[in-house]
Amino acid sequence: MANILTQNDIQHVDYKDVDLLKQFINPHGRMVSRKRGGLTAKQQRAVEAAVKRARFMGLLPYVQK
């Protein structure tokens, strides 16, 4: 089963692509695990760094209620 990054041929995960990053965040605002997201270890690290940057820049919330 291919994940969303390989299906759409995304080589670089950009922190400004909020719609893509929201797919890897659960309703509480936490990161989805690698197993549930279906990502490779390298892709998970890239998504994690992009989510952290987006949170710092104010594009994504740290916590959702």
PDB file of N, CA and C in Angstrom:
ATOM      1  N   MET A   1       0.837  -1.187   0.000  1.00  0.00           N
ATOM      2  CA  MET A   1       0.000   0.000   0.000  1.00  0.00           C
ATOM      3  C   MET A   1       0.879   1.247   0.000  1.00  0.00           C
ATOM      4  N   ALA A   2       0.710   2.080  -0.984  1.00  0.00           N
ATOM      5  CA  ALA A   2       1.507   3.296  -1.098  1.00  0.00           C
ATOM      6  C   ALA A   2       0.909   4.399  -0.234  1.00  0.00           C
ATOM      7  N   ASN A   3       1.757   5.247   0.278  1.00  0.00           N
ATOM      8  CA  ASN A   3       1.258   6.350   1.093  1.00  0.00           C
ATOM      9  C   ASN A   3       0.962   7.570   0.229  1.00  0.00           C
ATOM     10  N   ILE A   4       0.437   8.588   0.846  1.00  0.00           N
ATOM     11  CA  ILE A   4      -0.026   9.765   0.101  1.00  0.00           C
ATOM     12  C   ILE A   4       1.138  10.531  -0.531  1.00  0.00           C
ATOM     13  N   LEU A   5       2.315  10.479   0.078  1.00  0.00           N
ATOM     14  CA  LEU A   5       3.459  11.197  -0.485  1.00  0.00           C
ATOM     15  C   LEU A   5       3.957  10.527  -1.760  1.00  0.00           C
ATOM     16  N   THR A   6       4.015   9.209  -1.773  1.00  0.00           N
ATOM     17  CA  THR A   6       4.481   8.528  -2.971  1.00  0.00           C
ATOM     18  C   THR A   6       3.399   8.489  -4.047  1.00  0.00           C
ATOM     19  N   GLN A   7       2.126   8.457  -3.650  1.00  0.00           N
ATOM     20  CA  GLN A   7       1.041   8.464  -4.634  1.00  0.00           C
ATOM     21  C   GLN A   7       1.029   9.765  -5.428  1.00  0.00           C
ATOM     22  N   ASN A   8       1.264  10.875  -4.751  1.00  0.00           N
ATOM     23  CA  ASN A   8       1.246  12.182  -5.410  1.00  0.00           C
ATOM     24  C   ASN A   8       2.626  12.625  -5.868  1.00  0.00           C
ATOM     25  N   ASP A   9       3.628  11.740  -5.749  1.00  0.00           N
ATOM     26  CA  ASP A   9       5.001  12.009  -6.179  1.00  0.00           C
ATOM     27  C   ASP A   9       5.553  13.280  -5.532  1.00  0.00           C
ATOM     28  N   ILE A  10       5.397  13.381  -4.219  1.00  0.00           N
ATOM     29  CA  ILE A  10       5.901  14.528  -3.460  1.00  0.00           C
ATOM     30  C   ILE A  10       7.284  14.169  -2.935  1.00  0.00           C
ATOM     31  N   GLN A  11       8.299  14.887  -3.418  1.00  0.00           N
ATOM     32  CA  GLN A  11       9.675  14.629  -3.009  1.00  0.00           C
ATOM     33  C   GLN A  11      10.052  15.430  -1.771  1.00  0.00           C
ATOM     34  N   HIS A  12       9.544  16.656  -1.684  1.00  0.00           N
ATOM     35  CA  HIS A  12       9.887  17.556  -0.581  1.00  0.00           C
ATOM     36  C   HIS A  12       8.613  17.977   0.138  1.00  0.00           C
ATOM     37  N   VAL A  13       8.592  17.808   1.444  1.00  0.00           N
ATOM     38  CA  VAL A  13       7.434  18.215   2.249  1.00  0.00           C
ATOM     39  C   VAL A  13       7.669  19.653   2.674  1.00  0.00           C
ATOM     40  N   ASP A  14       6.763  20.534   2.257  1.00  0.00           N
ATOM     41  CA  ASP A  14       6.897  21.960   2.547  1.00  0.00           C
ATOM     42  C   ASP A  14       6.032  22.324   3.735  1.00  0.00           C
ATOM     43  N   TYR A  15       6.574  23.127   4.661  1.00  0.00           N
ATOM     44  CA  TYR A  15       5.829  23.505   5.847  1.00  0.00           C
ATOM     45  C   TYR A  15       4.655  24.432   5.514  1.00  0.00           C
ATOM     46  N   LYS A  16       4.676  25.049   4.333  1.00  0.00           N
ATOM     47  CA  LYS A  16       3.589  25.946   3.939  1.00  0.00           C
ATOM     48  C   LYS A  16       2.391  25.208   3.347  1.00  0.00           C
ATOM     49  N   ASP A  17       2.556  23.920   3.056  1.00  0.00           N
ATOM     50  CA  ASP A  17       1.470  23.109   2.511  1.00  0.00           C
ATOM     51  C   ASP A  17       0.641  22.554   3.674  1.00  0.00           C
ATOM     52  N   VAL A  18      -0.194  23.415   4.242  1.00  0.00           N
ATOM     53  CA  VAL A  18      -0.938  23.086   5.454  1.00  0.00           C
ATOM     54  C   VAL A  18      -1.961  21.977   5.204  1.00  0.00           C
ATOM     55  N   ASP A  19      -2.561  21.948   4.036  1.00  0.00           N
ATOM     56  CA  ASP A  19      -3.562  20.920   3.740  1.00  0.00           C
ATOM     57  C   ASP A  19      -2.945  19.521   3.763  1.00  0.00           C
ATOM     58  N   LEU A  20      -1.746  19.387   3.263  1.00  0.00           N
ATOM     59  CA  LEU A  20      -1.059  18.107   3.296  1.00  0.00           C
ATOM     60  C   LEU A  20      -0.685  17.733   4.726  1.00  0.00           C
ATOM     61  N   LEU A  21      -0.186  18.698   5.481  1.00  0.00           N
ATOM     62  CA  LEU A  21       0.262  18.416   6.847  1.00  0.00           C
ATOM     63  C   LEU A  21      -0.895  18.068   7.771  1.00  0.00           C
ATOM     64  N   LYS A  22      -2.076  18.619   7.521  1.00  0.00           N
ATOM     65  CA  LYS A  22      -3.235  18.320   8.367  1.00  0.00           C
ATOM     66  C   LYS A  22      -3.644  16.862   8.290  1.00  0.00           C
ATOM     67  N   GLN A  23      -3.255  16.175   7.220  1.00  0.00           N
ATOM     68  CA  GLN A  23      -3.581  14.762   7.081  1.00  0.00           C
ATOM     69  C   GLN A  23      -2.750  13.895   8.028  1.00  0.00           C
ATOM     70  N   PHE A  24      -1.656  14.440   8.547  1.00  0.00           N
ATOM     71  CA  PHE A  24      -0.790  13.693   9.440  1.00  0.00           C
ATOM     72  C   PHE A  24      -0.930  14.160  10.884  1.00  0.00           C
ATOM     73  N   ILE A  25      -2.018  14.871  11.177  1.00  0.00           N
ATOM     74  CA  ILE A  25      -2.301  15.349  12.533  1.00  0.00           C
ATOM     75  C   ILE A  25      -3.671  14.827  12.929  1.00  0.00           C
ATOM     76  N   ASN A  26      -3.782  14.284  14.140  1.00  0.00           N
ATOM     77  CA  ASN A  26      -5.075  13.770  14.592  1.00  0.00           C
ATOM     78  C   ASN A  26      -5.959  14.922  15.085  1.00  0.00           C
ATOM     79  N   PRO A  27      -7.227  14.669  15.412  1.00  0.00           N
ATOM     80  CA  PRO A  27      -8.128  15.757  15.821  1.00  0.00           C
ATOM     81  C   PRO A  27      -7.688  16.535  17.061  1.00  0.00           C
ATOM     82  N   HIS A  28      -6.794  15.950  17.862  1.00  0.00           N
ATOM     83  CA  HIS A  28      -6.309  16.651  19.054  1.00  0.00           C
ATOM     84  C   HIS A  28      -5.088  17.519  18.756  1.00  0.00           C
ATOM     85  N   GLY A  29      -4.589  17.455  17.527  1.00  0.00           N
ATOM     86  CA  GLY A  29      -3.436  18.259  17.153  1.00  0.00           C
ATOM     87  C   GLY A  29      -2.118  17.540  17.302  1.00  0.00           C
ATOM     88  N   ARG A  30      -2.150  16.247  17.585  1.00  0.00           N
ATOM     89  CA  ARG A  30      -0.919  15.480  17.746  1.00  0.00           C
ATOM     90  C   ARG A  30      -0.522  14.835  16.428  1.00  0.00           C
ATOM     91  N   MET A  31       0.763  14.528  16.314  1.00  0.00           N
ATOM     92  CA  MET A  31       1.269  13.856  15.120  1.00  0.00           C
ATOM     93  C   MET A  31       0.746  12.428  15.065  1.00  0.00           C
ATOM     94  N   VAL A  32       0.393  11.981  13.874  1.00  0.00           N
ATOM     95  CA  VAL A  32      -0.018  10.597  13.665  1.00  0.00           C
ATOM     96  C   VAL A  32       1.244   9.746  13.572  1.00  0.00           C
ATOM     97  N   SER A  33       1.193   8.557  14.142  1.00  0.00           N
ATOM     98  CA  SER A  33       2.366   7.693  14.145  1.00  0.00           C
ATOM     99  C   SER A  33       2.722   7.260  12.728  1.00  0.00           C
ATOM    100  N   ARG A  34       3.922   6.790  12.591  1.00  0.00           N
ATOM    101  CA  ARG A  34       4.416   6.356  11.284  1.00  0.00           C
ATOM    102  C   ARG A  34       3.619   5.173  10.766  1.00  0.00           C
ATOM    103  N   LYS A  35       3.237   4.299  11.653  1.00  0.00           N
ATOM    104  CA  LYS A  35       2.476   3.117  11.260  1.00  0.00           C
ATOM    105  C   LYS A  35       1.085   3.500  10.755  1.00  0.00           C
ATOM    106  N   ARG A  36       0.425   4.414  11.425  1.00  0.00           N
ATOM    107  CA  ARG A  36      -0.921   4.841  11.012  1.00  0.00           C
ATOM    108  C   ARG A  36      -0.883   5.719   9.777  1.00  0.00           C
ATOM    109  N   GLY A  37       0.177   6.515   9.632  1.00  0.00           N
ATOM    110  CA  GLY A  37       0.294   7.378   8.471  1.00  0.00           C
ATOM    111  C   GLY A  37       0.782   6.660   7.232  1.00  0.00           C
ATOM    112  N   GLY A  38       1.395   5.485   7.428  1.00  0.00           N
ATOM    113  CA  GLY A  38       1.897   4.712   6.311  1.00  0.00           C
ATOM    114  C   GLY A  38       3.130   5.300   5.663  1.00  0.00           C
ATOM    115  N   LEU A  39       3.923   5.999   6.436  1.00  0.00           N
ATOM    116  CA  LEU A  39       5.115   6.658   5.898  1.00  0.00           C
ATOM    117  C   LEU A  39       6.363   5.832   6.164  1.00  0.00           C
ATOM    118  N   THR A  40       7.382   6.098   5.375  1.00  0.00           N
ATOM    119  CA  THR A  40       8.694   5.520   5.667  1.00  0.00           C
ATOM    120  C   THR A  40       9.332   6.362   6.764  1.00  0.00           C
ATOM    121  N   ALA A  41      10.426   5.877   7.316  1.00  0.00           N
ATOM    122  CA  ALA A  41      11.089   6.606   8.401  1.00  0.00           C
ATOM    123  C   ALA A  41      11.591   7.969   7.915  1.00  0.00           C
ATOM    124  N   LYS A  42      12.132   8.001   6.719  1.00  0.00           N
ATOM    125  CA  LYS A  42      12.648   9.258   6.168  1.00  0.00           C
ATOM    126  C   LYS A  42      11.518  10.256   5.931  1.00  0.00           C
ATOM    127  N   GLN A  43      10.384   9.762   5.406  1.00  0.00           N
ATOM    128  CA  GLN A  43       9.236  10.631   5.171  1.00  0.00           C
ATOM    129  C   GLN A  43       8.644  11.119   6.488  1.00  0.00           C
ATOM    130  N   GLN A  44       8.618  10.257   7.510  1.00  0.00           N
ATOM    131  CA  GLN A  44       8.073  10.655   8.804  1.00  0.00           C
ATOM    132  C   GLN A  44       8.908  11.776   9.416  1.00  0.00           C
ATOM    133  N   ARG A  45      10.219  11.686   9.296  1.00  0.00           N
ATOM    134  CA  ARG A  45      11.090  12.742   9.826  1.00  0.00           C
ATOM    135  C   ARG A  45      10.858  14.055   9.093  1.00  0.00           C
ATOM    136  N   ALA A  46      10.671  13.988   7.777  1.00  0.00           N
ATOM    137  CA  ALA A  46      10.428  15.200   6.991  1.00  0.00           C
ATOM    138  C   ALA A  46       9.083  15.827   7.351  1.00  0.00           C
ATOM    139  N   VAL A  47       8.057  14.995   7.521  1.00  0.00           N
ATOM    140  CA  VAL A  47       6.728  15.507   7.893  1.00  0.00           C
ATOM    141  C   VAL A  47       6.776  16.097   9.294  1.00  0.00           C
ATOM    142  N   GLU A  48       7.483  15.432  10.192  1.00  0.00           N
ATOM    143  CA  GLU A  48       7.597  15.912  11.563  1.00  0.00           C
ATOM    144  C   GLU A  48       8.266  17.285  11.614  1.00  0.00           C
ATOM    145  N   ALA A  49       9.340  17.453  10.868  1.00  0.00           N
ATOM    146  CA  ALA A  49      10.035  18.741  10.837  1.00  0.00           C
ATOM    147  C   ALA A  49       9.152  19.815  10.217  1.00  0.00           C
ATOM    148  N   ALA A  50       8.409  19.469   9.178  1.00  0.00           N
ATOM    149  CA  ALA A  50       7.531  20.444   8.526  1.00  0.00           C
ATOM    150  C   ALA A  50       6.388  20.851   9.449  1.00  0.00           C
ATOM    151  N   VAL A  51       5.834  19.911  10.197  1.00  0.00           N
ATOM    152  CA  VAL A  51       4.757  20.241  11.140  1.00  0.00           C
ATOM    153  C   VAL A  51       5.282  21.156  12.237  1.00  0.00           C
ATOM    154  N   LYS A  52       6.462  20.866  12.737  1.00  0.00           N
ATOM    155  CA  LYS A  52       7.046  21.707  13.787  1.00  0.00           C
ATOM    156  C   LYS A  52       7.304  23.121  13.280  1.00  0.00           C
ATOM    157  N   ARG A  53       7.796  23.250  12.055  1.00  0.00           N
ATOM    158  CA  ARG A  53       8.020  24.578  11.470  1.00  0.00           C
ATOM    159  C   ARG A  53       6.701  25.317  11.268  1.00  0.00           C
ATOM    160  N   ALA A  54       5.688  24.595  10.781  1.00  0.00           N
ATOM    161  CA  ALA A  54       4.382  25.221  10.550  1.00  0.00           C
ATOM    162  C   ALA A  54       3.762  25.676  11.861  1.00  0.00           C
ATOM    163  N   ARG A  55       3.929  24.910  12.916  1.00  0.00           N
ATOM    164  CA  ARG A  55       3.426  25.319  14.230  1.00  0.00           C
ATOM    165  C   ARG A  55       4.142  26.571  14.706  1.00  0.00           C
ATOM    166  N   PHE A  56       5.458  26.601  14.553  1.00  0.00           N
ATOM    167  CA  PHE A  56       6.242  27.750  14.993  1.00  0.00           C
ATOM    168  C   PHE A  56       5.862  29.014  14.225  1.00  0.00           C
ATOM    169  N   MET A  57       5.558  28.860  12.939  1.00  0.00           N
ATOM    170  CA  MET A  57       5.194  30.013  12.118  1.00  0.00           C
ATOM    171  C   MET A  57       3.721  30.408  12.294  1.00  0.00           C
ATOM    172  N   GLY A  58       2.956  29.609  13.035  1.00  0.00           N
ATOM    173  CA  GLY A  58       1.574  29.942  13.298  1.00  0.00           C
ATOM    174  C   GLY A  58       0.609  29.437  12.254  1.00  0.00           C
ATOM    175  N   LEU A  59       1.048  28.531  11.387  1.00  0.00           N
ATOM    176  CA  LEU A  59       0.174  28.005  10.349  1.00  0.00           C
ATOM    177  C   LEU A  59      -0.662  26.828  10.849  1.00  0.00           C
ATOM    178  N   LEU A  60      -0.147  26.113  11.839  1.00  0.00           N
ATOM    179  CA  LEU A  60      -0.858  25.000  12.447  1.00  0.00           C
ATOM    180  C   LEU A  60      -0.923  25.217  13.950  1.00  0.00           C
ATOM    181  N   PRO A  61      -1.991  24.774  14.598  1.00  0.00           N
ATOM    182  CA  PRO A  61      -2.077  24.928  16.043  1.00  0.00           C
ATOM    183  C   PRO A  61      -1.248  23.865  16.757  1.00  0.00           C
ATOM    184  N   TYR A  62      -0.771  24.189  17.961  1.00  0.00           N
ATOM    185  CA  TYR A  62      -0.073  23.216  18.779  1.00  0.00           C
ATOM    186  C   TYR A  62      -1.068  22.226  19.383  1.00  0.00           C
ATOM    187  N   VAL A  63      -2.219  22.742  19.843  1.00  0.00           N
ATOM    188  CA  VAL A  63      -3.253  21.927  20.486  1.00  0.00           C
ATOM    189  C   VAL A  63      -4.595  22.356  19.947  1.00  0.00           C
ATOM    190  N   GLN A  64      -5.468  21.380  19.716  1.00  0.00           N
ATOM    191  CA  GLN A  64      -6.832  21.685  19.296  1.00  0.00           C
ATOM    192  C   GLN A  64      -7.780  21.162  20.360  1.00  0.00           C
ATOM    193  N   LYS A  65      -8.819  21.917  20.634  1.00  0.00           N
ATOM    194  CA  LYS A  65      -9.774  21.488  21.660  1.00  0.00           C
ATOM    195  C   LYS A  65     -10.995  20.912  21.028  1.00  0.00           C
TER     196      LYS A  65
END
